Amino acid sequence: MTHGRKVDQRPVLGLTMGDPAGIGAEVIAKALAGREVGRLCRPLVIGSLPVMHKTVRSLGLPLRVVVVEGHDRPLGGRGELSVLDPLERPIGRFRMGVAAKNTGKASVAFITKAVELAELGCIHGIVTGPINKEAINLAGYHYPGHTELLADLTYSKEVGMMILGGPLKIMFVTTHVAIRNLSGALTPELVGKAIRLADRALRDQFGVVRPRIGVAALNPHAGEAGLFGDEERKTILPAARRARAAGIQASDPLSADTLFGKAVRGEYDGVVAMYHDQGLIPLKLVAFGKCVNLTVGLPIIRTSVDHGTAFDIAGKGVADPGSLIEAVKLASRLAVAKLHGKVH
């Protein structure tokens, strides 16, 4: 028989600061100053303690910054902002809104610590603040973004980025690839991987029993029988057919100008987009500021904001925490489902 205080059922989520020169600390502080995040989870900020102190003071928020050095103290007290700082020495001087080696190194250290805690079971999921790709490369970490770094840290072979907003759930075949290089970057294997990951996410994390996946074409009118390009016939269609042979309900390549409208109306549970803007333009049109990035294929839960470090407004106090709050909502929901055995 258990006596005393009721066991706190809220999952513990690690919120990584992202690049200290960006808006990560600001959106975290603003989100934690409200009540919604605290109702959903017990947040642990993994980032620079001095930066969080300075951010809370400059914003005039009613928060008390609490240092967390181990895992023995309860988290989530009202009005508290719990911070675990993994840095062996302070970041040093940096300018807000400017990419630098020291801030890039720090942002990777925050992510690395969060992954370690998640794999140990100390936290139930990660919500990442935005990093700056130039800064992490200056620090010697040659990754195009979070996804590839997380894949390496967790030794995951097949991962991908799904972004959710409003009625849309979009998996990307490529992300940060120049338009002129797209045709050569697309392969049946990459398209097939995106279709598999979309199916996996929709089944395992969103409970869709038989996901209907709309596969976007690359060219106008799906190539118009080769008149406007042959990537559909040579690359995308073979991948879709292989997916169907494996039991996945994937469409033939469909013209993007109609596919996203069909997905919004519920004709498809998810969409596979060929490139960054193809998926993000319709997604941000219907859910700007409320989109969430979900990494599929990791052994841990990871969600993220849908925006970057926003160096142009960093330090000005005007950043919107809406996307971070949405990322916390999704991570909390997935963590609760996993803890109750509803997520594979």
Protein backbone atom coordinates (compact mmCIF):
# COMPACT_ATOMS: atom_id res chain seq x y z
CA MET A 1 0.00 0.00 0.00
CA THR A 2 1.40 3.39 -1.02
CA HIS A 3 1.17 6.33 1.38
CA GLY A 4 2.14 9.97 1.07
CA ARG A 5 2.16 12.10 -2.03
CA LYS A 6 0.48 11.03 -5.22
CA VAL A 7 2.89 9.82 -7.90
CA ASP A 8 3.34 12.43 -10.63
CA GLN A 9 2.20 10.84 -13.90
CA ARG A 10 3.45 13.60 -16.18
CA PRO A 11 6.34 12.56 -18.44
CA VAL A 12 9.71 14.22 -18.03
CA LEU A 13 10.77 16.01 -21.22
CA GLY A 14 14.22 17.40 -21.96
CA LEU A 15 14.03 20.80 -23.68
CA THR A 16 17.34 21.57 -25.36
CA MET A 17 18.19 25.25 -25.64
CA GLY A 18 19.52 25.14 -29.19
CA ASP A 19 22.01 27.81 -30.21
CA PRO A 20 22.47 30.30 -27.33
CA ALA A 21 22.76 33.15 -29.85
CA GLY A 22 19.29 32.40 -31.23
CA ILE A 23 15.74 32.51 -29.88
CA GLY A 24 15.77 29.06 -28.24
CA ALA A 25 16.23 30.27 -24.67
CA GLU A 26 13.57 32.94 -25.18
CA VAL A 27 10.85 30.64 -26.52
CA ILE A 28 11.60 28.08 -23.80
CA ALA A 29 11.33 30.67 -21.04
CA LYS A 30 8.11 32.11 -22.46
CA ALA A 31 6.58 28.65 -22.88
CA LEU A 32 7.46 27.64 -19.32
CA ALA A 33 6.10 30.89 -17.91
CA GLY A 34 2.63 29.82 -19.04
CA ARG A 35 0.63 27.02 -17.44
CA GLU A 36 0.03 24.77 -20.44
CA VAL A 37 3.46 23.13 -20.57
CA GLY A 38 3.44 22.38 -16.84
CA ARG A 39 0.09 20.63 -17.12
CA LEU A 40 1.45 18.32 -19.82
CA CYS A 41 4.92 17.39 -18.59
CA ARG A 42 7.76 17.97 -16.15
CA PRO A 43 10.18 20.05 -18.25
CA LEU A 44 13.93 19.90 -17.79
CA VAL A 45 15.83 22.56 -19.73
CA ILE A 46 19.18 21.27 -20.99
CA GLY A 47 21.23 24.32 -21.77
CA SER A 48 23.41 27.12 -20.46
CA LEU A 49 22.48 28.16 -16.93
CA PRO A 50 23.83 31.73 -17.29
CA VAL A 51 21.95 32.20 -20.59
CA MET A 52 18.67 31.01 -19.05
CA HIS A 53 19.19 33.29 -16.01
CA LYS A 54 19.84 36.28 -18.26
CA THR A 55 16.89 35.46 -20.53
CA VAL A 56 14.40 35.16 -17.68
CA ARG A 57 15.61 38.45 -16.18
CA SER A 58 15.56 40.36 -19.45
CA LEU A 59 12.02 39.20 -20.22
CA GLY A 60 10.80 39.95 -16.69
CA LEU A 61 9.17 36.54 -16.38
CA PRO A 62 7.82 35.22 -13.05
CA LEU A 63 10.16 32.22 -13.06
CA ARG A 64 12.74 30.98 -10.58
CA VAL A 65 15.68 29.27 -12.28
CA VAL A 66 16.59 26.07 -10.42
CA VAL A 67 19.86 24.22 -10.94
CA VAL A 68 19.58 20.48 -11.57
CA GLU A 69 22.82 18.56 -11.17
CA GLY A 70 21.52 15.02 -10.77
CA HIS A 71 18.20 13.28 -11.21
CA ASP A 72 17.14 13.11 -7.59
CA ARG A 73 15.01 16.23 -7.26
CA PRO A 74 11.39 16.49 -8.45
CA LEU A 75 10.78 18.64 -11.50
CA GLY A 76 7.90 20.77 -12.57
CA GLY A 77 7.23 22.96 -9.55
CA ARG A 78 5.00 25.94 -10.33
CA GLY A 79 7.02 29.00 -11.21
CA GLU A 80 10.24 27.00 -11.53
CA LEU A 81 12.49 26.63 -14.55
CA SER A 82 14.73 23.61 -13.96
CA VAL A 83 18.06 23.74 -15.82
CA LEU A 84 20.68 21.05 -16.30
CA ASP A 85 23.84 22.63 -17.71
CA PRO A 86 26.13 19.97 -19.23
CA LEU A 87 28.95 22.35 -20.18
CA GLU A 88 32.27 21.74 -18.44
CA ARG A 89 33.13 25.44 -18.71
CA PRO A 90 31.03 28.52 -19.59
CA ILE A 91 30.36 29.29 -23.24
CA GLY A 92 32.32 32.50 -23.19
CA ARG A 93 31.42 35.74 -24.91
CA PHE A 94 29.16 35.68 -27.96
CA ARG A 95 26.93 38.07 -29.85
CA MET A 96 23.23 37.46 -30.18
CA GLY A 97 22.24 36.75 -33.75
CA VAL A 98 25.74 35.79 -34.90
CA ALA A 99 26.94 32.26 -35.75
CA ALA A 100 30.00 31.31 -33.74
CA LYS A 101 32.11 28.26 -32.97
CA ASN A 102 31.51 28.37 -29.21
CA THR A 103 27.72 28.57 -29.46
CA GLY A 104 27.68 25.82 -32.09
CA LYS A 105 29.74 23.58 -29.82
CA ALA A 106 27.43 24.29 -26.90
CA SER A 107 24.28 23.49 -28.88
CA VAL A 108 25.68 20.07 -29.83
CA ALA A 109 26.63 19.43 -26.18
CA PHE A 110 23.02 20.10 -25.14
CA ILE A 111 21.69 17.62 -27.70
CA THR A 112 24.27 14.99 -26.79
CA LYS A 113 23.34 15.20 -23.11
CA ALA A 114 19.64 15.00 -23.89
CA VAL A 115 20.12 11.85 -25.95
CA GLU A 116 22.17 10.31 -23.14
CA LEU A 117 19.43 11.04 -20.61
CA ALA A 118 16.71 9.72 -22.92
CA GLU A 119 18.59 6.48 -23.59
CA LEU A 120 19.11 6.00 -19.85
CA GLY A 121 15.38 6.53 -19.27
CA CYS A 122 15.92 9.64 -17.12
CA ILE A 123 13.71 11.63 -19.48
CA HIS A 124 10.87 10.34 -21.64
CA GLY A 125 11.46 12.45 -24.72
CA ILE A 126 13.34 15.39 -26.19
CA VAL A 127 12.02 18.69 -27.51
CA THR A 128 14.79 20.53 -29.32
CA GLY A 129 15.27 24.25 -29.72
CA PRO A 130 16.72 25.50 -33.02
CA ILE A 131 20.39 25.08 -33.86
CA ASN A 132 22.38 27.02 -36.43
CA LYS A 133 23.96 24.89 -39.14
CA GLU A 134 26.77 27.35 -39.79
CA ALA A 135 27.65 27.45 -36.09
CA ILE A 136 27.80 23.69 -35.59
CA ASN A 137 29.93 23.34 -38.71
CA LEU A 138 32.28 26.04 -37.39
CA ALA A 139 32.56 23.88 -34.27
CA GLY A 140 33.59 20.88 -36.37
CA TYR A 141 30.25 19.04 -36.49
CA HIS A 142 29.55 18.58 -40.18
CA TYR A 143 25.84 17.83 -40.17
CA PRO A 144 23.12 19.50 -42.22
CA GLY A 145 20.81 19.52 -39.20
CA HIS A 146 19.44 17.81 -36.10
CA THR A 147 18.16 14.71 -37.86
CA GLU A 148 21.52 13.45 -39.06
CA LEU A 149 23.21 14.28 -35.74
CA LEU A 150 20.53 12.41 -33.78
CA ALA A 151 20.82 9.42 -36.11
CA ASP A 152 24.55 9.20 -35.40
CA LEU A 153 24.16 9.67 -31.65
CA THR A 154 21.58 6.88 -31.43
CA TYR A 155 23.16 4.61 -34.08
CA SER A 156 19.91 4.68 -36.04
CA LYS A 157 20.10 3.44 -39.64
CA GLU A 158 16.85 4.75 -41.12
CA VAL A 159 15.50 8.08 -39.91
CA GLY A 160 13.54 10.89 -41.48
CA MET A 161 11.84 14.20 -40.81
CA MET A 162 8.07 14.40 -40.58
CA ILE A 163 6.53 17.82 -40.06
CA LEU A 164 2.99 18.15 -38.75
CA GLY A 165 0.67 21.11 -38.78
CA GLY A 166 -3.11 21.35 -38.83
CA PRO A 167 -4.46 18.42 -40.87
CA LEU A 168 -1.14 17.70 -42.60
CA LYS A 169 1.54 15.13 -41.78
CA ILE A 170 4.39 15.35 -44.27
CA MET A 171 7.46 13.14 -44.64
CA PHE A 172 10.34 14.48 -46.73
CA VAL A 173 12.50 12.56 -49.19
CA THR A 174 15.10 15.36 -49.22
CA THR A 175 15.38 18.45 -47.07
CA HIS A 176 18.26 20.87 -47.55
CA VAL A 177 19.11 20.21 -51.18
CA ALA A 178 19.48 22.91 -53.85
CA ILE A 179 16.71 22.81 -56.45
CA ARG A 180 19.23 22.39 -59.26
CA ASN A 181 20.52 19.21 -57.57
CA LEU A 182 17.14 17.63 -56.83
CA SER A 183 16.83 15.35 -59.84
CA GLY A 184 20.17 13.74 -59.17
CA ALA A 185 19.52 13.49 -55.43
CA LEU A 186 16.27 11.54 -55.79
CA THR A 187 16.57 7.77 -55.98
CA PRO A 188 13.99 4.97 -55.72
CA GLU A 189 15.69 3.91 -52.48
CA LEU A 190 15.32 7.35 -50.87
CA VAL A 191 11.70 7.68 -51.97
CA GLY A 192 11.00 4.17 -50.69
CA LYS A 193 12.60 4.98 -47.35
CA ALA A 194 10.39 8.06 -46.93
CA ILE A 195 7.28 6.05 -47.74
CA ARG A 196 8.24 3.36 -45.19
CA LEU A 197 8.95 5.95 -42.50
CA ALA A 198 5.66 7.74 -43.17
CA ASP A 199 3.80 4.46 -42.85
CA ARG A 200 5.69 3.60 -39.66
CA ALA A 201 4.98 6.95 -38.02
CA LEU A 202 1.30 6.93 -38.92
CA ARG A 203 0.85 3.40 -37.59
CA ASP A 204 3.04 3.40 -34.51
CA GLN A 205 2.82 6.97 -33.29
CA PHE A 206 -0.59 8.11 -34.51
CA GLY A 207 -2.55 4.86 -34.38
CA VAL A 208 -3.65 4.78 -38.03
CA VAL A 209 -4.30 1.11 -38.79
CA ARG A 210 -4.07 1.30 -42.58
CA PRO A 211 -2.40 4.60 -43.48
CA ARG A 212 -3.19 6.12 -46.87
CA ILE A 213 -0.06 7.83 -48.13
CA GLY A 214 -0.10 10.32 -50.97
CA VAL A 215 3.19 10.45 -52.84
CA ALA A 216 3.97 13.79 -54.47
CA ALA A 217 5.34 14.07 -57.98
CA LEU A 218 8.40 16.22 -58.62
CA ASN A 219 7.35 17.85 -61.90
CA PRO A 220 4.22 19.80 -62.92
CA HIS A 221 1.31 17.51 -63.82
CA ALA A 222 3.36 14.54 -62.55
CA GLY A 223 5.60 14.89 -65.59
CA GLU A 224 2.74 14.70 -68.13
CA ALA A 225 3.85 11.32 -69.47
CA GLY A 226 7.45 12.48 -69.71
CA LEU A 227 6.83 15.84 -71.38
CA PHE A 228 7.92 17.77 -68.27
CA GLY A 229 10.41 15.31 -66.84
CA ASP A 230 10.80 11.59 -66.28
CA GLU A 231 11.60 11.42 -62.54
CA GLU A 232 8.08 10.18 -61.87
CA ARG A 233 8.42 7.23 -64.23
CA LYS A 234 12.04 6.36 -63.44
CA THR A 235 12.32 7.13 -59.73
CA ILE A 236 9.09 7.79 -57.83
CA LEU A 237 6.70 5.27 -59.39
CA PRO A 238 9.01 2.25 -58.89
CA ALA A 239 9.35 3.16 -55.20
CA ALA A 240 5.58 3.48 -54.79
CA ARG A 241 4.99 0.12 -56.47
CA ARG A 242 7.53 -1.60 -54.24
CA ALA A 243 5.87 -0.08 -51.19
CA ARG A 244 2.48 -1.37 -52.29
CA ALA A 245 3.97 -4.82 -52.87
CA ALA A 246 5.13 -4.68 -49.24
CA GLY A 247 1.60 -3.89 -48.04
CA ILE A 248 1.83 -0.10 -47.77
CA GLN A 249 -1.02 1.95 -49.22
CA ALA A 250 1.07 4.41 -51.23
CA SER A 251 -0.29 6.26 -54.25
CA ASP A 252 1.36 6.65 -57.62
CA PRO A 253 3.11 10.05 -57.92
CA LEU A 254 0.42 12.73 -57.81
CA SER A 255 0.65 16.33 -58.93
CA ALA A 256 1.52 18.36 -55.84
CA ASP A 257 -0.89 21.17 -56.71
CA THR A 258 -3.85 18.87 -56.01
CA LEU A 259 -2.34 16.33 -53.59
CA PHE A 260 -2.04 18.66 -50.62
CA GLY A 261 -5.62 19.81 -50.98
CA LYS A 262 -6.76 16.18 -50.93
CA ALA A 263 -4.70 15.55 -47.80
CA VAL A 264 -6.23 18.58 -46.06
CA ARG A 265 -9.68 17.17 -46.87
CA GLY A 266 -8.74 13.83 -45.30
CA GLU A 267 -8.30 11.71 -48.42
CA TYR A 268 -4.75 10.87 -47.32
CA ASP A 269 -3.40 10.33 -43.81
CA GLY A 270 0.08 11.50 -44.77
CA VAL A 271 2.05 12.91 -47.68
CA VAL A 272 5.54 12.15 -48.94
CA ALA A 273 7.08 15.33 -50.34
CA MET A 274 10.11 15.27 -52.62
CA TYR A 275 11.78 18.42 -51.30
CA HIS A 276 11.78 21.08 -48.62
CA ASP A 277 9.55 23.83 -50.01
CA GLN A 278 7.17 21.44 -51.75
CA GLY A 279 5.97 20.28 -48.35
CA LEU A 280 6.61 23.28 -46.16
CA ILE A 281 4.79 25.91 -48.23
CA PRO A 282 1.35 24.26 -47.92
CA LEU A 283 2.08 23.19 -44.36
CA LYS A 284 2.96 26.67 -43.15
CA LEU A 285 0.06 28.10 -45.12
CA VAL A 286 -2.41 26.10 -43.02
CA ALA A 287 -0.52 26.04 -39.71
CA PHE A 288 2.10 28.78 -39.57
CA GLY A 289 3.69 29.04 -36.13
CA LYS A 290 2.01 25.81 -34.99
CA CYS A 291 4.02 23.24 -36.94
CA VAL A 292 6.09 20.53 -35.26
CA ASN A 293 9.06 18.54 -36.48
CA LEU A 294 9.03 14.83 -35.52
CA THR A 295 12.04 12.61 -36.14
CA VAL A 296 10.88 9.15 -37.20
CA GLY A 297 13.08 6.08 -36.82
CA LEU A 298 14.88 6.96 -33.57
CA PRO A 299 14.71 4.75 -30.45
CA ILE A 300 13.72 7.86 -28.49
CA ILE A 301 10.98 10.48 -28.87
CA ARG A 302 12.15 13.71 -30.43
CA THR A 303 10.07 16.66 -31.53
CA SER A 304 11.21 20.15 -32.44
CA VAL A 305 10.10 23.61 -33.40
CA ASP A 306 9.46 24.26 -37.09
CA HIS A 307 11.58 27.43 -37.18
CA GLY A 308 15.25 28.29 -37.08
CA THR A 309 17.37 30.36 -34.73
CA ALA A 310 15.81 33.58 -36.11
CA PHE A 311 19.04 35.53 -35.69
CA ASP A 312 17.31 38.65 -37.02
CA ILE A 313 15.12 38.91 -33.89
CA ALA A 314 17.32 37.11 -31.34
CA GLY A 315 17.56 39.04 -28.09
CA LYS A 316 14.71 41.40 -28.94
CA GLY A 317 12.06 39.67 -26.83
CA VAL A 318 9.56 39.30 -29.68
CA ALA A 319 9.87 35.56 -30.48
CA ASP A 320 6.67 33.51 -30.49
CA PRO A 321 6.76 30.30 -28.39
CA GLY A 322 3.78 28.77 -30.21
CA SER A 323 5.72 26.14 -32.15
CA LEU A 324 7.65 25.05 -29.06
CA ILE A 325 4.42 24.62 -27.12
CA GLU A 326 3.00 22.50 -29.95
CA ALA A 327 6.21 20.41 -29.96
CA VAL A 328 5.84 19.85 -26.21
CA LYS A 329 2.20 18.84 -26.68
CA LEU A 330 3.12 16.21 -29.27
CA ALA A 331 6.11 14.87 -27.33
CA SER A 332 4.00 14.65 -24.16
CA ARG A 333 1.24 12.78 -25.98
CA LEU A 334 3.69 10.33 -27.54
CA ALA A 335 5.52 9.83 -24.24
CA VAL A 336 2.31 9.11 -22.33
CA ALA A 337 1.22 6.63 -25.01
CA LYS A 338 4.62 4.93 -24.91
CA LEU A 339 4.58 4.71 -21.12
CA HIS A 340 1.18 3.03 -21.34
CA GLY A 341 2.29 0.60 -24.03
CA LYS A 342 0.32 2.20 -26.86
CA VAL A 343 3.32 3.12 -28.98
CA HIS A 344 5.66 0.56 -30.50
